Amino acid sequence: MADEGVILKSKEVFYRGQKLEELKKLDVREVAKFIPSRSRRSVLRNFQNHEAFIKRCETQFNARKKIRTHLRDIVILPRLVGMTIGIHNGKAFNDFVITHRMIGHRLGEFSLTRTKVQHGNPGLGATKSSGVEKK
């Protein structure tokens, strides 16, 4: 191939027909027009909470601090793309890098609260026939 030495430009990311960089400049209520209806309703009713969370994330991101939160119901908006956020699952904080494919989803969808139970073998004395000596 003749184009092997050419460095490919990174693809521009679009979300519902809009460039991601343009969406990052918009206000929270203006971005709500582009996200799915269920998430839009949540954002429009609680836009103060979303704005406060984004502002807090941006200050911590610029200060190179870890972003950790218990707020699992926050809808992911374009201004959060590229940040690493620790989302609490009830026991620990799981770190996730927010990508453009996560826009419109909630933070809690990516930090699962339940895990699959892995049972071990029963120990001595767990059953009547497990070989425990009676005294």
C-alpha atoms as a PDB file:
ATOM      1  CA  MET A   1       0.000   0.000   0.000  1.00  0.00           C
ATOM      2  CA  ALA A   2       1.208   3.458  -0.862  1.00  0.00           C
ATOM      3  CA  ASP A   3      -0.337   5.165   2.173  1.00  0.00           C
ATOM      4  CA  GLU A   4       1.516   3.174   4.847  1.00  0.00           C
ATOM      5  CA  GLY A   5       3.663   6.144   5.903  1.00  0.00           C
ATOM      6  CA  VAL A   6       0.731   8.540   6.248  1.00  0.00           C
ATOM      7  CA  ILE A   7      -0.412   9.204   9.801  1.00  0.00           C
ATOM      8  CA  LEU A   8      -4.165   8.944   9.996  1.00  0.00           C
ATOM      9  CA  LYS A   9      -6.022  11.772  11.659  1.00  0.00           C
ATOM     10  CA  SER A  10      -8.158  10.789  14.609  1.00  0.00           C
ATOM     11  CA  LYS A  11     -11.817  10.469  13.748  1.00  0.00           C
ATOM     12  CA  GLU A  12     -14.090  13.255  14.847  1.00  0.00           C
ATOM     13  CA  VAL A  13     -16.599  11.958  17.332  1.00  0.00           C
ATOM     14  CA  PHE A  14     -20.255  12.672  16.689  1.00  0.00           C
ATOM     15  CA  TYR A  15     -23.219  12.210  19.011  1.00  0.00           C
ATOM     16  CA  ARG A  16     -26.653  12.368  17.387  1.00  0.00           C
ATOM     17  CA  GLY A  17     -25.361  14.439  14.473  1.00  0.00           C
ATOM     18  CA  GLN A  18     -23.397  16.936  16.583  1.00  0.00           C
ATOM     19  CA  LYS A  19     -19.641  17.086  17.086  1.00  0.00           C
ATOM     20  CA  LEU A  20     -18.571  16.207  20.613  1.00  0.00           C
ATOM     21  CA  GLU A  21     -16.489  19.384  20.901  1.00  0.00           C
ATOM     22  CA  GLU A  22     -19.558  21.501  20.088  1.00  0.00           C
ATOM     23  CA  LEU A  23     -21.644  19.626  22.656  1.00  0.00           C
ATOM     24  CA  LYS A  24     -19.011  20.233  25.342  1.00  0.00           C
ATOM     25  CA  LYS A  25     -19.483  23.985  24.923  1.00  0.00           C
ATOM     26  CA  LEU A  26     -23.261  23.840  25.482  1.00  0.00           C
ATOM     27  CA  ASP A  27     -25.134  24.351  28.735  1.00  0.00           C
ATOM     28  CA  VAL A  28     -26.549  21.304  30.560  1.00  0.00           C
ATOM     29  CA  ARG A  29     -30.124  22.163  29.544  1.00  0.00           C
ATOM     30  CA  GLU A  30     -29.112  22.625  25.905  1.00  0.00           C
ATOM     31  CA  VAL A  31     -27.302  19.268  25.854  1.00  0.00           C
ATOM     32  CA  ALA A  32     -30.449  17.624  27.241  1.00  0.00           C
ATOM     33  CA  LYS A  33     -32.105  18.114  23.843  1.00  0.00           C
ATOM     34  CA  PHE A  34     -29.751  15.527  22.338  1.00  0.00           C
ATOM     35  CA  ILE A  35     -29.946  12.721  24.917  1.00  0.00           C
ATOM     36  CA  PRO A  36     -32.683  10.029  25.137  1.00  0.00           C
ATOM     37  CA  SER A  37     -36.029  10.970  26.647  1.00  0.00           C
ATOM     38  CA  ARG A  38     -35.728   9.202  30.009  1.00  0.00           C
ATOM     39  CA  SER A  39     -32.332  10.741  30.688  1.00  0.00           C
ATOM     40  CA  ARG A  40     -33.511  14.107  29.353  1.00  0.00           C
ATOM     41  CA  ARG A  41     -36.329  14.179  31.898  1.00  0.00           C
ATOM     42  CA  SER A  42     -33.880  13.505  34.738  1.00  0.00           C
ATOM     43  CA  VAL A  43     -31.420  16.138  33.528  1.00  0.00           C
ATOM     44  CA  LEU A  44     -34.063  18.833  33.078  1.00  0.00           C
ATOM     45  CA  ARG A  45     -35.575  18.206  36.510  1.00  0.00           C
ATOM     46  CA  ASN A  46     -32.214  18.114  38.303  1.00  0.00           C
ATOM     47  CA  PHE A  47     -30.040  20.339  36.138  1.00  0.00           C
ATOM     48  CA  GLN A  48     -28.639  22.134  39.221  1.00  0.00           C
ATOM     49  CA  ASN A  49     -27.291  18.838  40.586  1.00  0.00           C
ATOM     50  CA  HIS A  50     -25.768  17.910  37.231  1.00  0.00           C
ATOM     51  CA  GLU A  51     -24.161  21.350  36.824  1.00  0.00           C
ATOM     52  CA  ALA A  52     -22.733  21.217  40.353  1.00  0.00           C
ATOM     53  CA  PHE A  53     -21.341  17.718  39.762  1.00  0.00           C
ATOM     54  CA  ILE A  54     -19.738  18.711  36.455  1.00  0.00           C
ATOM     55  CA  LYS A  55     -18.219  21.816  38.026  1.00  0.00           C
ATOM     56  CA  ARG A  56     -16.801  19.760  40.911  1.00  0.00           C
ATOM     57  CA  CYS A  57     -15.415  17.165  38.472  1.00  0.00           C
ATOM     58  CA  GLU A  58     -13.759  19.833  36.317  1.00  0.00           C
ATOM     59  CA  THR A  59     -12.051  21.475  39.312  1.00  0.00           C
ATOM     60  CA  GLN A  60     -10.755  18.124  40.592  1.00  0.00           C
ATOM     61  CA  PHE A  61      -9.701  17.076  37.088  1.00  0.00           C
ATOM     62  CA  ASN A  62      -7.750  20.312  36.578  1.00  0.00           C
ATOM     63  CA  ALA A  63      -6.136  19.911  40.029  1.00  0.00           C
ATOM     64  CA  ARG A  64      -5.088  16.343  39.057  1.00  0.00           C
ATOM     65  CA  LYS A  65      -7.089  14.888  41.947  1.00  0.00           C
ATOM     66  CA  LYS A  66      -9.048  11.654  41.843  1.00  0.00           C
ATOM     67  CA  ILE A  67     -12.748  12.095  41.184  1.00  0.00           C
ATOM     68  CA  ARG A  68     -14.788   9.846  43.481  1.00  0.00           C
ATOM     69  CA  THR A  69     -18.545   9.903  43.926  1.00  0.00           C
ATOM     70  CA  HIS A  70     -21.491   8.128  45.487  1.00  0.00           C
ATOM     71  CA  LEU A  71     -23.872   9.775  42.997  1.00  0.00           C
ATOM     72  CA  ARG A  72     -24.879   6.832  40.835  1.00  0.00           C
ATOM     73  CA  ASP A  73     -27.936   8.563  39.335  1.00  0.00           C
ATOM     74  CA  ILE A  74     -26.050  11.328  37.502  1.00  0.00           C
ATOM     75  CA  VAL A  75     -26.508  11.178  33.724  1.00  0.00           C
ATOM     76  CA  ILE A  76     -23.251  11.196  31.755  1.00  0.00           C
ATOM     77  CA  LEU A  77     -23.019  14.380  29.677  1.00  0.00           C
ATOM     78  CA  PRO A  78     -20.452  15.367  27.019  1.00  0.00           C
ATOM     79  CA  ARG A  79     -18.434  17.567  29.387  1.00  0.00           C
ATOM     80  CA  LEU A  80     -17.538  14.458  31.434  1.00  0.00           C
ATOM     81  CA  VAL A  81     -16.011  12.608  28.457  1.00  0.00           C
ATOM     82  CA  GLY A  82     -12.336  11.831  28.995  1.00  0.00           C
ATOM     83  CA  MET A  83     -12.430  11.998  32.797  1.00  0.00           C
ATOM     84  CA  THR A  84     -11.723   9.060  35.089  1.00  0.00           C
ATOM     85  CA  ILE A  85     -14.405   8.819  37.761  1.00  0.00           C
ATOM     86  CA  GLY A  86     -14.493   6.464  40.749  1.00  0.00           C
ATOM     87  CA  ILE A  87     -18.086   5.292  41.232  1.00  0.00           C
ATOM     88  CA  HIS A  88     -19.047   3.702  44.543  1.00  0.00           C
ATOM     89  CA  ASN A  89     -20.711   0.306  44.340  1.00  0.00           C
ATOM     90  CA  GLY A  90     -21.545  -0.023  48.044  1.00  0.00           C
ATOM     91  CA  LYS A  91     -18.188  -1.488  48.989  1.00  0.00           C
ATOM     92  CA  ALA A  92     -15.447   0.189  46.972  1.00  0.00           C
ATOM     93  CA  PHE A  93     -14.881   2.799  44.275  1.00  0.00           C
ATOM     94  CA  ASN A  94     -14.574   1.427  40.734  1.00  0.00           C
ATOM     95  CA  ASP A  95     -12.642   3.701  38.367  1.00  0.00           C
ATOM     96  CA  PHE A  96     -14.003   4.211  34.857  1.00  0.00           C
ATOM     97  CA  VAL A  97     -12.833   6.345  31.966  1.00  0.00           C
ATOM     98  CA  ILE A  98     -15.870   8.105  30.505  1.00  0.00           C
ATOM     99  CA  THR A  99     -16.109   7.659  26.724  1.00  0.00           C
ATOM    100  CA  HIS A 100     -18.424   9.165  24.127  1.00  0.00           C
ATOM    101  CA  ARG A 101     -20.393   5.921  23.973  1.00  0.00           C
ATOM    102  CA  MET A 102     -21.503   6.387  27.608  1.00  0.00           C
ATOM    103  CA  ILE A 103     -23.338   9.677  26.999  1.00  0.00           C
ATOM    104  CA  GLY A 104     -26.965   9.460  28.128  1.00  0.00           C
ATOM    105  CA  HIS A 105     -26.360   6.566  30.522  1.00  0.00           C
ATOM    106  CA  ARG A 106     -26.125   6.871  34.291  1.00  0.00           C
ATOM    107  CA  LEU A 107     -22.928   6.455  36.294  1.00  0.00           C
ATOM    108  CA  GLY A 108     -24.368   3.568  38.297  1.00  0.00           C
ATOM    109  CA  GLU A 109     -24.843   1.439  35.190  1.00  0.00           C
ATOM    110  CA  PHE A 110     -21.091   0.907  34.954  1.00  0.00           C
ATOM    111  CA  SER A 111     -20.338   0.096  38.607  1.00  0.00           C
ATOM    112  CA  LEU A 112     -22.191  -3.100  39.391  1.00  0.00           C
ATOM    113  CA  THR A 113     -23.347  -3.586  42.980  1.00  0.00           C
ATOM    114  CA  ARG A 114     -23.821  -7.343  42.848  1.00  0.00           C
ATOM    115  CA  THR A 115     -21.307  -9.980  41.902  1.00  0.00           C
ATOM    116  CA  LYS A 116     -21.657 -13.633  41.087  1.00  0.00           C
ATOM    117  CA  VAL A 117     -21.375 -15.834  44.158  1.00  0.00           C
ATOM    118  CA  GLN A 118     -18.600 -18.393  43.961  1.00  0.00           C
ATOM    119  CA  HIS A 119     -19.245 -21.088  46.538  1.00  0.00           C
ATOM    120  CA  GLY A 120     -16.332 -23.161  47.746  1.00  0.00           C
ATOM    121  CA  ASN A 121     -16.312 -26.747  48.938  1.00  0.00           C
ATOM    122  CA  PRO A 122     -18.064 -27.460  52.261  1.00  0.00           C
ATOM    123  CA  GLY A 123     -15.722 -27.737  55.230  1.00  0.00           C
ATOM    124  CA  LEU A 124     -15.403 -30.434  57.844  1.00  0.00           C
ATOM    125  CA  GLY A 125     -18.517 -30.653  59.969  1.00  0.00           C
ATOM    126  CA  ALA A 126     -20.722 -28.961  57.413  1.00  0.00           C
ATOM    127  CA  THR A 127     -22.770 -32.123  56.894  1.00  0.00           C
ATOM    128  CA  LYS A 128     -23.407 -35.262  58.928  1.00  0.00           C
ATOM    129  CA  SER A 129     -21.252 -37.378  56.663  1.00  0.00           C
ATOM    130  CA  SER A 130     -18.274 -35.056  56.356  1.00  0.00           C
ATOM    131  CA  GLY A 131     -15.981 -37.197  58.483  1.00  0.00           C
ATOM    132  CA  VAL A 132     -15.901 -35.418  61.818  1.00  0.00           C
ATOM    133  CA  GLU A 133     -14.958 -37.703  64.707  1.00  0.00           C
ATOM    134  CA  LYS A 134     -17.485 -37.791  67.523  1.00  0.00           C
ATOM    135  CA  LYS A 135     -16.181 -37.698  71.067  1.00  0.00           C
END
